[in-house]
Amino acid sequence: MPRKNKNTTKHPRYQKPDFHSQNKSPQNDIKNNLTSNKKSKKNKLRTSYDIYKRLQHDPNLGIDLNNVYIGFEDTGDISEIQFTQWIMIEDGGDIPMHRI
C-alpha cells in the first residue's frame, strides 16, 4: 500500500519560530506583549498592622469599631476579639500581629 503524500494533509506543517532573526513576526509581537505585562507593578496585600492602624486612625471610613472583630490564631484554634479590646504587643498585649 503506498504512503500518502505529506503535502495533501488538511493541516499545514508546523514551522518552528525563529527567535534569533531580526524580522518581526506576529508570534514575536505576542511574546513581547506577554513579557511587557510581567514588568508591570503587582498589587501587594496589605499587612494586618497596616489595616489595624487604618481602622484605628482613619475617620473617613465611617466604620463603628464596636462592630469590628479581629480574628487570630491562638494555639491552633481561631479566636476572635473585639477591635476596641485588642492590645498591641508593644503596649502590653500578648498576641503578635503575624497571628492575625
PDB file of N, CA and C in Angstrom:
ATOM      1  N   MET A   1       0.843  -1.173   0.000  1.00  0.00           N
ATOM      2  CA  MET A   1       0.000   0.000   0.000  1.00  0.00           C
ATOM      3  C   MET A   1       0.895   1.245   0.000  1.00  0.00           C
ATOM      4  N   PRO A   2       0.666   2.179  -0.898  1.00  0.00           N
ATOM      5  CA  PRO A   2       1.527   3.365  -0.984  1.00  0.00           C
ATOM      6  C   PRO A   2       1.206   4.370   0.124  1.00  0.00           C
ATOM      7  N   ARG A   3       2.214   5.118   0.504  1.00  0.00           N
ATOM      8  CA  ARG A   3       2.047   6.154   1.532  1.00  0.00           C
ATOM      9  C   ARG A   3       1.381   7.387   0.946  1.00  0.00           C
ATOM     10  N   LYS A   4       0.712   8.123   1.848  1.00  0.00           N
ATOM     11  CA  LYS A   4       0.087   9.368   1.424  1.00  0.00           C
ATOM     12  C   LYS A   4       1.154  10.431   1.218  1.00  0.00           C
ATOM     13  N   ASN A   5       0.890  11.292   0.320  1.00  0.00           N
ATOM     14  CA  ASN A   5       1.789  12.407   0.107  1.00  0.00           C
ATOM     15  C   ASN A   5       1.625  13.385   1.271  1.00  0.00           C
ATOM     16  N   LYS A   6       2.726  13.851   1.869  1.00  0.00           N
ATOM     17  CA  LYS A   6       2.657  14.721   3.032  1.00  0.00           C
ATOM     18  C   LYS A   6       2.035  16.072   2.715  1.00  0.00           C
ATOM     19  N   ASN A   7       2.049  16.490   1.486  1.00  0.00           N
ATOM     20  CA  ASN A   7       1.512  17.791   1.121  1.00  0.00           C
ATOM     21  C   ASN A   7      -0.010  17.807   1.016  1.00  0.00           C
ATOM     22  N   THR A   8      -0.653  16.671   1.084  1.00  0.00           N
ATOM     23  CA  THR A   8      -2.105  16.618   0.929  1.00  0.00           C
ATOM     24  C   THR A   8      -2.844  16.600   2.264  1.00  0.00           C
ATOM     25  N   THR A   9      -2.151  16.802   3.382  1.00  0.00           N
ATOM     26  CA  THR A   9      -2.827  16.788   4.681  1.00  0.00           C
ATOM     27  C   THR A   9      -3.649  18.057   4.863  1.00  0.00           C
ATOM     28  N   LYS A  10      -4.640  17.988   5.740  1.00  0.00           N
ATOM     29  CA  LYS A  10      -5.522  19.123   5.988  1.00  0.00           C
ATOM     30  C   LYS A  10      -4.829  20.238   6.755  1.00  0.00           C
ATOM     31  N   HIS A  11      -3.889  19.876   7.639  1.00  0.00           N
ATOM     32  CA  HIS A  11      -3.233  20.861   8.489  1.00  0.00           C
ATOM     33  C   HIS A  11      -1.865  21.209   7.921  1.00  0.00           C
ATOM     34  N   PRO A  12      -1.515  22.488   7.947  1.00  0.00           N
ATOM     35  CA  PRO A  12      -0.180  22.842   7.465  1.00  0.00           C
ATOM     36  C   PRO A  12       0.884  22.326   8.430  1.00  0.00           C
ATOM     37  N   ARG A  13       2.047  22.118   7.921  1.00  0.00           N
ATOM     38  CA  ARG A  13       3.141  21.599   8.716  1.00  0.00           C
ATOM     39  C   ARG A  13       3.606  22.665   9.710  1.00  0.00           C
ATOM     40  N   TYR A  14       3.902  22.251  10.943  1.00  0.00           N
ATOM     41  CA  TYR A  14       4.373  23.170  11.967  1.00  0.00           C
ATOM     42  C   TYR A  14       5.747  23.694  11.581  1.00  0.00           C
ATOM     43  N   GLN A  15       5.902  24.988  11.713  1.00  0.00           N
ATOM     44  CA  GLN A  15       7.180  25.599  11.414  1.00  0.00           C
ATOM     45  C   GLN A  15       7.685  26.270  12.687  1.00  0.00           C
ATOM     46  N   LYS A  16       8.834  25.859  13.149  1.00  0.00           N
ATOM     47  CA  LYS A  16       9.391  26.377  14.386  1.00  0.00           C
ATOM     48  C   LYS A  16       9.727  27.855  14.209  1.00  0.00           C
ATOM     49  N   PRO A  17       9.280  28.717  15.156  1.00  0.00           N
ATOM     50  CA  PRO A  17       9.577  30.138  15.025  1.00  0.00           C
ATOM     51  C   PRO A  17      11.066  30.410  15.214  1.00  0.00           C
ATOM     52  N   ASP A  18      11.566  31.363  14.460  1.00  0.00           N
ATOM     53  CA  ASP A  18      12.970  31.734  14.534  1.00  0.00           C
ATOM     54  C   ASP A  18      13.077  32.992  15.386  1.00  0.00           C
ATOM     55  N   PHE A  19      13.421  32.834  16.655  1.00  0.00           N
ATOM     56  CA  PHE A  19      13.504  33.964  17.570  1.00  0.00           C
ATOM     57  C   PHE A  19      14.803  34.748  17.437  1.00  0.00           C
ATOM     58  N   HIS A  20      15.735  34.202  16.710  1.00  0.00           N
ATOM     59  CA  HIS A  20      17.029  34.857  16.568  1.00  0.00           C
ATOM     60  C   HIS A  20      17.096  35.780  15.363  1.00  0.00           C
ATOM     61  N   SER A  21      16.127  35.702  14.496  1.00  0.00           N
ATOM     62  CA  SER A  21      16.173  36.569  13.319  1.00  0.00           C
ATOM     63  C   SER A  21      15.738  37.977  13.688  1.00  0.00           C
ATOM     64  N   GLN A  22      16.112  38.931  12.888  1.00  0.00           N
ATOM     65  CA  GLN A  22      15.775  40.326  13.117  1.00  0.00           C
ATOM     66  C   GLN A  22      14.399  40.673  12.578  1.00  0.00           C
ATOM     67  N   ASN A  23      13.775  39.745  11.867  1.00  0.00           N
ATOM     68  CA  ASN A  23      12.464  40.012  11.281  1.00  0.00           C
ATOM     69  C   ASN A  23      11.397  39.979  12.359  1.00  0.00           C
ATOM     70  N   LYS A  24      10.489  40.918  12.293  1.00  0.00           N
ATOM     71  CA  LYS A  24       9.362  40.931  13.225  1.00  0.00           C
ATOM     72  C   LYS A  24       8.264  40.040  12.658  1.00  0.00           C
ATOM     73  N   SER A  25       7.742  39.183  13.483  1.00  0.00           N
ATOM     74  CA  SER A  25       6.632  38.346  13.067  1.00  0.00           C
ATOM     75  C   SER A  25       5.528  38.482  14.110  1.00  0.00           C
ATOM     76  N   PRO A  26       4.316  38.089  13.784  1.00  0.00           N
ATOM     77  CA  PRO A  26       3.226  38.173  14.767  1.00  0.00           C
ATOM     78  C   PRO A  26       3.513  37.386  16.038  1.00  0.00           C
ATOM     79  N   GLN A  27       4.199  36.252  15.901  1.00  0.00           N
ATOM     80  CA  GLN A  27       4.497  35.463  17.093  1.00  0.00           C
ATOM     81  C   GLN A  27       5.446  36.206  18.014  1.00  0.00           C
ATOM     82  N   ASN A  28       6.422  36.917  17.438  1.00  0.00           N
ATOM     83  CA  ASN A  28       7.350  37.686  18.261  1.00  0.00           C
ATOM     84  C   ASN A  28       6.629  38.847  18.938  1.00  0.00           C
ATOM     85  N   ASP A  29       5.654  39.458  18.262  1.00  0.00           N
ATOM     86  CA  ASP A  29       4.891  40.547  18.863  1.00  0.00           C
ATOM     87  C   ASP A  29       4.102  40.056  20.066  1.00  0.00           C
ATOM     88  N   ILE A  30       3.510  38.875  19.941  1.00  0.00           N
ATOM     89  CA  ILE A  30       2.749  38.308  21.053  1.00  0.00           C
ATOM     90  C   ILE A  30       3.677  38.045  22.231  1.00  0.00           C
ATOM     91  N   LYS A  31       4.853  37.517  21.943  1.00  0.00           N
ATOM     92  CA  LYS A  31       5.812  37.231  23.007  1.00  0.00           C
ATOM     93  C   LYS A  31       6.236  38.526  23.698  1.00  0.00           C
ATOM     94  N   ASN A  32       6.478  39.583  22.939  1.00  0.00           N
ATOM     95  CA  ASN A  32       6.880  40.862  23.528  1.00  0.00           C
ATOM     96  C   ASN A  32       5.776  41.445  24.390  1.00  0.00           C
ATOM     97  N   ASN A  33       4.521  41.309  23.973  1.00  0.00           N
ATOM     98  CA  ASN A  33       3.406  41.818  24.772  1.00  0.00           C
ATOM     99  C   ASN A  33       3.291  41.074  26.090  1.00  0.00           C
ATOM    100  N   LEU A  34       3.516  39.767  26.076  1.00  0.00           N
ATOM    101  CA  LEU A  34       3.424  38.985  27.302  1.00  0.00           C
ATOM    102  C   LEU A  34       4.528  39.354  28.283  1.00  0.00           C
ATOM    103  N   THR A  35       5.745  39.567  27.782  1.00  0.00           N
ATOM    104  CA  THR A  35       6.837  39.904  28.683  1.00  0.00           C
ATOM    105  C   THR A  35       6.700  41.321  29.205  1.00  0.00           C
ATOM    106  N   SER A  36       6.102  42.232  28.441  1.00  0.00           N
ATOM    107  CA  SER A  36       5.936  43.597  28.935  1.00  0.00           C
ATOM    108  C   SER A  36       4.902  43.638  30.055  1.00  0.00           C
ATOM    109  N   ASN A  37       3.915  42.738  30.045  1.00  0.00           N
ATOM    110  CA  ASN A  37       2.924  42.687  31.119  1.00  0.00           C
ATOM    111  C   ASN A  37       3.546  42.204  32.425  1.00  0.00           C
ATOM    112  N   LYS A  38       4.573  41.388  32.336  1.00  0.00           N
ATOM    113  CA  LYS A  38       5.218  40.870  33.539  1.00  0.00           C
ATOM    114  C   LYS A  38       5.961  41.974  34.282  1.00  0.00           C
ATOM    115  N   LYS A  39       6.376  43.017  33.572  1.00  0.00           N
ATOM    116  CA  LYS A  39       7.146  44.085  34.185  1.00  0.00           C
ATOM    117  C   LYS A  39       6.258  45.067  34.946  1.00  0.00           C
ATOM    118  N   SER A  40       4.946  44.977  34.760  1.00  0.00           N
ATOM    119  CA  SER A  40       4.057  45.914  35.431  1.00  0.00           C
ATOM    120  C   SER A  40       4.050  45.640  36.939  1.00  0.00           C
ATOM    121  N   LYS A  41       3.732  46.663  37.715  1.00  0.00           N
ATOM    122  CA  LYS A  41       3.757  46.563  39.168  1.00  0.00           C
ATOM    123  C   LYS A  41       2.625  45.677  39.657  1.00  0.00           C
ATOM    124  N   LYS A  42       2.946  44.741  40.521  1.00  0.00           N
ATOM    125  CA  LYS A  42       1.937  43.852  41.094  1.00  0.00           C
ATOM    126  C   LYS A  42       1.377  44.479  42.361  1.00  0.00           C
ATOM    127  N   ASN A  43       0.089  44.299  42.584  1.00  0.00           N
ATOM    128  CA  ASN A  43      -0.533  44.776  43.807  1.00  0.00           C
ATOM    129  C   ASN A  43      -0.211  43.806  44.938  1.00  0.00           C
ATOM    130  N   LYS A  44       0.308  44.349  46.011  1.00  0.00           N
ATOM    131  CA  LYS A  44       0.654  43.512  47.154  1.00  0.00           C
ATOM    132  C   LYS A  44      -0.457  43.580  48.192  1.00  0.00           C
ATOM    133  N   LEU A  45      -0.581  42.530  48.971  1.00  0.00           N
ATOM    134  CA  LEU A  45      -1.563  42.514  50.046  1.00  0.00           C
ATOM    135  C   LEU A  45      -1.093  43.415  51.182  1.00  0.00           C
ATOM    136  N   ARG A  46      -2.030  44.040  51.832  1.00  0.00           N
ATOM    137  CA  ARG A  46      -1.705  44.873  52.985  1.00  0.00           C
ATOM    138  C   ARG A  46      -1.457  43.980  54.195  1.00  0.00           C
ATOM    139  N   THR A  47      -0.585  44.435  55.059  1.00  0.00           N
ATOM    140  CA  THR A  47      -0.310  43.667  56.270  1.00  0.00           C
ATOM    141  C   THR A  47      -1.414  43.913  57.292  1.00  0.00           C
ATOM    142  N   SER A  48      -1.515  43.030  58.252  1.00  0.00           N
ATOM    143  CA  SER A  48      -2.529  43.192  59.294  1.00  0.00           C
ATOM    144  C   SER A  48      -2.249  44.445  60.121  1.00  0.00           C
ATOM    145  N   TYR A  49      -0.994  44.816  60.283  1.00  0.00           N
ATOM    146  CA  TYR A  49      -0.640  46.025  61.014  1.00  0.00           C
ATOM    147  C   TYR A  49      -1.161  47.267  60.291  1.00  0.00           C
ATOM    148  N   ASP A  50      -0.989  47.310  58.953  1.00  0.00           N
ATOM    149  CA  ASP A  50      -1.481  48.449  58.170  1.00  0.00           C
ATOM    150  C   ASP A  50      -2.993  48.588  58.278  1.00  0.00           C
ATOM    151  N   ILE A  51      -3.695  47.475  58.192  1.00  0.00           N
ATOM    152  CA  ILE A  51      -5.158  47.508  58.281  1.00  0.00           C
ATOM    153  C   ILE A  51      -5.601  47.935  59.677  1.00  0.00           C
ATOM    154  N   TYR A  52      -4.919  47.438  60.702  1.00  0.00           N
ATOM    155  CA  TYR A  52      -5.244  47.812  62.084  1.00  0.00           C
ATOM    156  C   TYR A  52      -5.088  49.317  62.282  1.00  0.00           C
ATOM    157  N   LYS A  53      -3.963  49.866  61.830  1.00  0.00           N
ATOM    158  CA  LYS A  53      -3.715  51.294  62.004  1.00  0.00           C
ATOM    159  C   LYS A  53      -4.694  52.140  61.199  1.00  0.00           C
ATOM    160  N   ARG A  54      -5.068  51.692  59.999  1.00  0.00           N
ATOM    161  CA  ARG A  54      -6.028  52.455  59.205  1.00  0.00           C
ATOM    162  C   ARG A  54      -7.398  52.458  59.872  1.00  0.00           C
ATOM    163  N   LEU A  55      -7.831  51.303  60.361  1.00  0.00           N
ATOM    164  CA  LEU A  55      -9.112  51.260  61.077  1.00  0.00           C
ATOM    165  C   LEU A  55      -9.080  52.153  62.309  1.00  0.00           C
ATOM    166  N   GLN A  56      -7.954  52.182  62.968  1.00  0.00           N
ATOM    167  CA  GLN A  56      -7.832  52.927  64.211  1.00  0.00           C
ATOM    168  C   GLN A  56      -7.803  54.443  63.982  1.00  0.00           C
ATOM    169  N   HIS A  57      -7.174  54.899  62.907  1.00  0.00           N
ATOM    170  CA  HIS A  57      -6.903  56.323  62.754  1.00  0.00           C
ATOM    171  C   HIS A  57      -7.626  57.019  61.600  1.00  0.00           C
ATOM    172  N   ASP A  58      -8.267  56.299  60.684  1.00  0.00           N
ATOM    173  CA  ASP A  58      -8.888  56.948  59.526  1.00  0.00           C
ATOM    174  C   ASP A  58     -10.365  57.241  59.809  1.00  0.00           C
ATOM    175  N   PRO A  59     -10.717  58.514  60.019  1.00  0.00           N
ATOM    176  CA  PRO A  59     -12.115  58.855  60.326  1.00  0.00           C
ATOM    177  C   PRO A  59     -13.019  58.816  59.093  1.00  0.00           C
ATOM    178  N   ASN A  60     -12.431  58.794  57.899  1.00  0.00           N
ATOM    179  CA  ASN A  60     -13.222  58.805  56.665  1.00  0.00           C
ATOM    180  C   ASN A  60     -13.857  57.452  56.345  1.00  0.00           C
ATOM    181  N   LEU A  61     -13.475  56.406  57.045  1.00  0.00           N
ATOM    182  CA  LEU A  61     -14.031  55.077  56.761  1.00  0.00           C
ATOM    183  C   LEU A  61     -15.491  54.968  57.197  1.00  0.00           C
ATOM    184  N   GLY A  62     -15.846  55.636  58.263  1.00  0.00           N
ATOM    185  CA  GLY A  62     -17.224  55.594  58.735  1.00  0.00           C
ATOM    186  C   GLY A  62     -17.645  54.243  59.284  1.00  0.00           C
ATOM    187  N   ILE A  63     -16.717  53.541  59.913  1.00  0.00           N
ATOM    188  CA  ILE A  63     -16.999  52.214  60.464  1.00  0.00           C
ATOM    189  C   ILE A  63     -17.073  52.314  61.984  1.00  0.00           C
ATOM    190  N   ASP A  64     -18.108  51.709  62.555  1.00  0.00           N
ATOM    191  CA  ASP A  64     -18.228  51.650  64.011  1.00  0.00           C
ATOM    192  C   ASP A  64     -17.300  50.543  64.514  1.00  0.00           C
ATOM    193  N   LEU A  65     -16.253  50.911  65.226  1.00  0.00           N
ATOM    194  CA  LEU A  65     -15.244  49.942  65.658  1.00  0.00           C
ATOM    195  C   LEU A  65     -15.774  48.970  66.704  1.00  0.00           C
ATOM    196  N   ASN A  66     -16.922  49.259  67.301  1.00  0.00           N
ATOM    197  CA  ASN A  66     -17.522  48.312  68.237  1.00  0.00           C
ATOM    198  C   ASN A  66     -18.090  47.091  67.514  1.00  0.00           C
ATOM    199  N   ASN A  67     -18.300  47.210  66.200  1.00  0.00           N
ATOM    200  CA  ASN A  67     -18.819  46.088  65.410  1.00  0.00           C
ATOM    201  C   ASN A  67     -17.731  45.345  64.653  1.00  0.00           C
ATOM    202  N   VAL A  68     -16.463  45.711  64.858  1.00  0.00           N
ATOM    203  CA  VAL A  68     -15.343  45.077  64.156  1.00  0.00           C
ATOM    204  C   VAL A  68     -14.671  44.086  65.093  1.00  0.00           C
ATOM    205  N   TYR A  69     -14.423  42.893  64.584  1.00  0.00           N
ATOM    206  CA  TYR A  69     -13.746  41.854  65.356  1.00  0.00           C
ATOM    207  C   TYR A  69     -12.467  41.447  64.647  1.00  0.00           C
ATOM    208  N   ILE A  70     -11.451  41.150  65.428  1.00  0.00           N
ATOM    209  CA  ILE A  70     -10.166  40.697  64.902  1.00  0.00           C
ATOM    210  C   ILE A  70     -10.078  39.199  65.118  1.00  0.00           C
ATOM    211  N   GLY A  71      -9.838  38.464  64.041  1.00  0.00           N
ATOM    212  CA  GLY A  71      -9.656  37.021  64.143  1.00  0.00           C
ATOM    213  C   GLY A  71      -8.179  36.699  64.192  1.00  0.00           C
ATOM    214  N   PHE A  72      -7.781  35.779  65.059  1.00  0.00           N
ATOM    215  CA  PHE A  72      -6.375  35.422  65.193  1.00  0.00           C
ATOM    216  C   PHE A  72      -6.262  33.948  65.546  1.00  0.00           C
ATOM    217  N   GLU A  73      -5.082  33.413  65.277  1.00  0.00           N
ATOM    218  CA  GLU A  73      -4.817  32.011  65.582  1.00  0.00           C
ATOM    219  C   GLU A  73      -4.134  31.930  66.934  1.00  0.00           C
ATOM    220  N   ASP A  74      -4.724  31.167  67.836  1.00  0.00           N
ATOM    221  CA  ASP A  74      -4.181  31.025  69.186  1.00  0.00           C
ATOM    222  C   ASP A  74      -4.109  29.541  69.523  1.00  0.00           C
ATOM    223  N   THR A  75      -2.917  29.007  69.614  1.00  0.00           N
ATOM    224  CA  THR A  75      -2.643  27.589  69.906  1.00  0.00           C
ATOM    225  C   THR A  75      -3.452  26.651  69.011  1.00  0.00           C
ATOM    226  N   GLY A  76      -3.454  26.939  67.722  1.00  0.00           N
ATOM    227  CA  GLY A  76      -4.124  26.075  66.767  1.00  0.00           C
ATOM    228  C   GLY A  76      -5.594  26.367  66.558  1.00  0.00           C
ATOM    229  N   ASP A  77      -6.210  27.115  67.456  1.00  0.00           N
ATOM    230  CA  ASP A  77      -7.624  27.472  67.329  1.00  0.00           C
ATOM    231  C   ASP A  77      -7.734  28.900  66.810  1.00  0.00           C
ATOM    232  N   ILE A  78      -8.802  29.172  66.098  1.00  0.00           N
ATOM    233  CA  ILE A  78      -9.065  30.522  65.626  1.00  0.00           C
ATOM    234  C   ILE A  78     -10.007  31.196  66.614  1.00  0.00           C
ATOM    235  N   SER A  79      -9.576  32.342  67.112  1.00  0.00           N
ATOM    236  CA  SER A  79     -10.352  33.094  68.096  1.00  0.00           C
ATOM    237  C   SER A  79     -10.661  34.477  67.549  1.00  0.00           C
ATOM    238  N   GLU A  80     -11.623  35.128  68.150  1.00  0.00           N
ATOM    239  CA  GLU A  80     -11.988  36.492  67.776  1.00  0.00           C
ATOM    240  C   GLU A  80     -12.038  37.359  69.021  1.00  0.00           C
ATOM    241  N   ILE A  81     -11.692  38.632  68.828  1.00  0.00           N
ATOM    242  CA  ILE A  81     -11.770  39.604  69.910  1.00  0.00           C
ATOM    243  C   ILE A  81     -12.241  40.916  69.292  1.00  0.00           C
ATOM    244  N   GLN A  82     -12.974  41.682  70.075  1.00  0.00           N
ATOM    245  CA  GLN A  82     -13.480  42.959  69.582  1.00  0.00           C
ATOM    246  C   GLN A  82     -12.304  43.910  69.345  1.00  0.00           C
ATOM    247  N   PHE A  83     -12.419  44.702  68.280  1.00  0.00           N
ATOM    248  CA  PHE A  83     -11.335  45.603  67.885  1.00  0.00           C
ATOM    249  C   PHE A  83     -10.939  46.548  69.018  1.00  0.00           C
ATOM    250  N   THR A  84     -11.911  47.073  69.724  1.00  0.00           N
ATOM    251  CA  THR A  84     -11.618  48.042  70.784  1.00  0.00           C
ATOM    252  C   THR A  84     -10.942  47.403  71.995  1.00  0.00           C
ATOM    253  N   GLN A  85     -11.015  46.075  72.128  1.00  0.00           N
ATOM    254  CA  GLN A  85     -10.379  45.378  73.246  1.00  0.00           C
ATOM    255  C   GLN A  85      -8.978  44.863  72.903  1.00  0.00           C
ATOM    256  N   TRP A  86      -8.605  44.931  71.633  1.00  0.00           N
ATOM    257  CA  TRP A  86      -7.300  44.428  71.192  1.00  0.00           C
ATOM    258  C   TRP A  86      -6.196  45.319  71.737  1.00  0.00           C
ATOM    259  N   ILE A  87      -5.143  44.708  72.265  1.00  0.00           N
ATOM    260  CA  ILE A  87      -3.984  45.448  72.755  1.00  0.00           C
ATOM    261  C   ILE A  87      -2.773  44.985  71.946  1.00  0.00           C
ATOM    262  N   MET A  88      -2.079  45.953  71.360  1.00  0.00           N
ATOM    263  CA  MET A  88      -0.870  45.631  70.589  1.00  0.00           C
ATOM    264  C   MET A  88       0.185  45.039  71.516  1.00  0.00           C
ATOM    265  N   ILE A  89       1.051  44.217  70.973  1.00  0.00           N
ATOM    266  CA  ILE A  89       2.077  43.564  71.789  1.00  0.00           C
ATOM    267  C   ILE A  89       3.058  44.592  72.340  1.00  0.00           C
ATOM    268  N   GLU A  90       3.252  45.710  71.607  1.00  0.00           N
ATOM    269  CA  GLU A  90       4.140  46.774  72.094  1.00  0.00           C
ATOM    270  C   GLU A  90       3.551  47.471  73.318  1.00  0.00           C
ATOM    271  N   ASP A  91       2.218  47.426  73.436  1.00  0.00           N
ATOM    272  CA  ASP A  91       1.536  48.099  74.544  1.00  0.00           C
ATOM    273  C   ASP A  91       1.185  47.146  75.693  1.00  0.00           C
ATOM    274  N   GLY A  92       1.734  45.951  75.660  1.00  0.00           N
ATOM    275  CA  GLY A  92       1.489  45.014  76.751  1.00  0.00           C
ATOM    276  C   GLY A  92       0.586  43.847  76.374  1.00  0.00           C
ATOM    277  N   GLY A  93       0.142  43.793  75.115  1.00  0.00           N
ATOM    278  CA  GLY A  93      -0.670  42.664  74.670  1.00  0.00           C
ATOM    279  C   GLY A  93       0.180  41.413  74.522  1.00  0.00           C
ATOM    280  N   ASP A  94      -0.457  40.263  74.364  1.00  0.00           N
ATOM    281  CA  ASP A  94       0.307  39.028  74.292  1.00  0.00           C
ATOM    282  C   ASP A  94       0.108  38.270  72.982  1.00  0.00           C
ATOM    283  N   ILE A  95      -0.499  38.899  71.972  1.00  0.00           N
ATOM    284  CA  ILE A  95      -0.689  38.234  70.681  1.00  0.00           C
ATOM    285  C   ILE A  95      -0.030  39.095  69.606  1.00  0.00           C
ATOM    286  N   PRO A  96       0.989  38.553  68.907  1.00  0.00           N
ATOM    287  CA  PRO A  96       1.658  39.324  67.868  1.00  0.00           C
ATOM    288  C   PRO A  96       0.788  39.498  66.615  1.00  0.00           C
ATOM    289  N   MET A  97       1.085  40.530  65.834  1.00  0.00           N
ATOM    290  CA  MET A  97       0.281  40.865  64.659  1.00  0.00           C
ATOM    291  C   MET A  97       0.353  39.779  63.572  1.00  0.00           C
ATOM    292  N   HIS A  98       1.421  39.007  63.501  1.00  0.00           N
ATOM    293  CA  HIS A  98       1.510  37.997  62.449  1.00  0.00           C
ATOM    294  C   HIS A  98       0.536  36.829  62.684  1.00  0.00           C
ATOM    295  N   ARG A  99      -0.113  36.787  63.826  1.00  0.00           N
ATOM    296  CA  ARG A  99      -1.112  35.741  64.092  1.00  0.00           C
ATOM    297  C   ARG A  99      -2.500  36.120  63.612  1.00  0.00           C
ATOM    298  N   ILE A 100      -2.674  37.393  63.204  1.00  0.00           N
ATOM    299  CA  ILE A 100      -3.986  37.838  62.720  1.00  0.00           C
ATOM    300  C   ILE A 100      -4.199  37.296  61.327  1.00  0.00           C
TER     301      ILE A 100
END
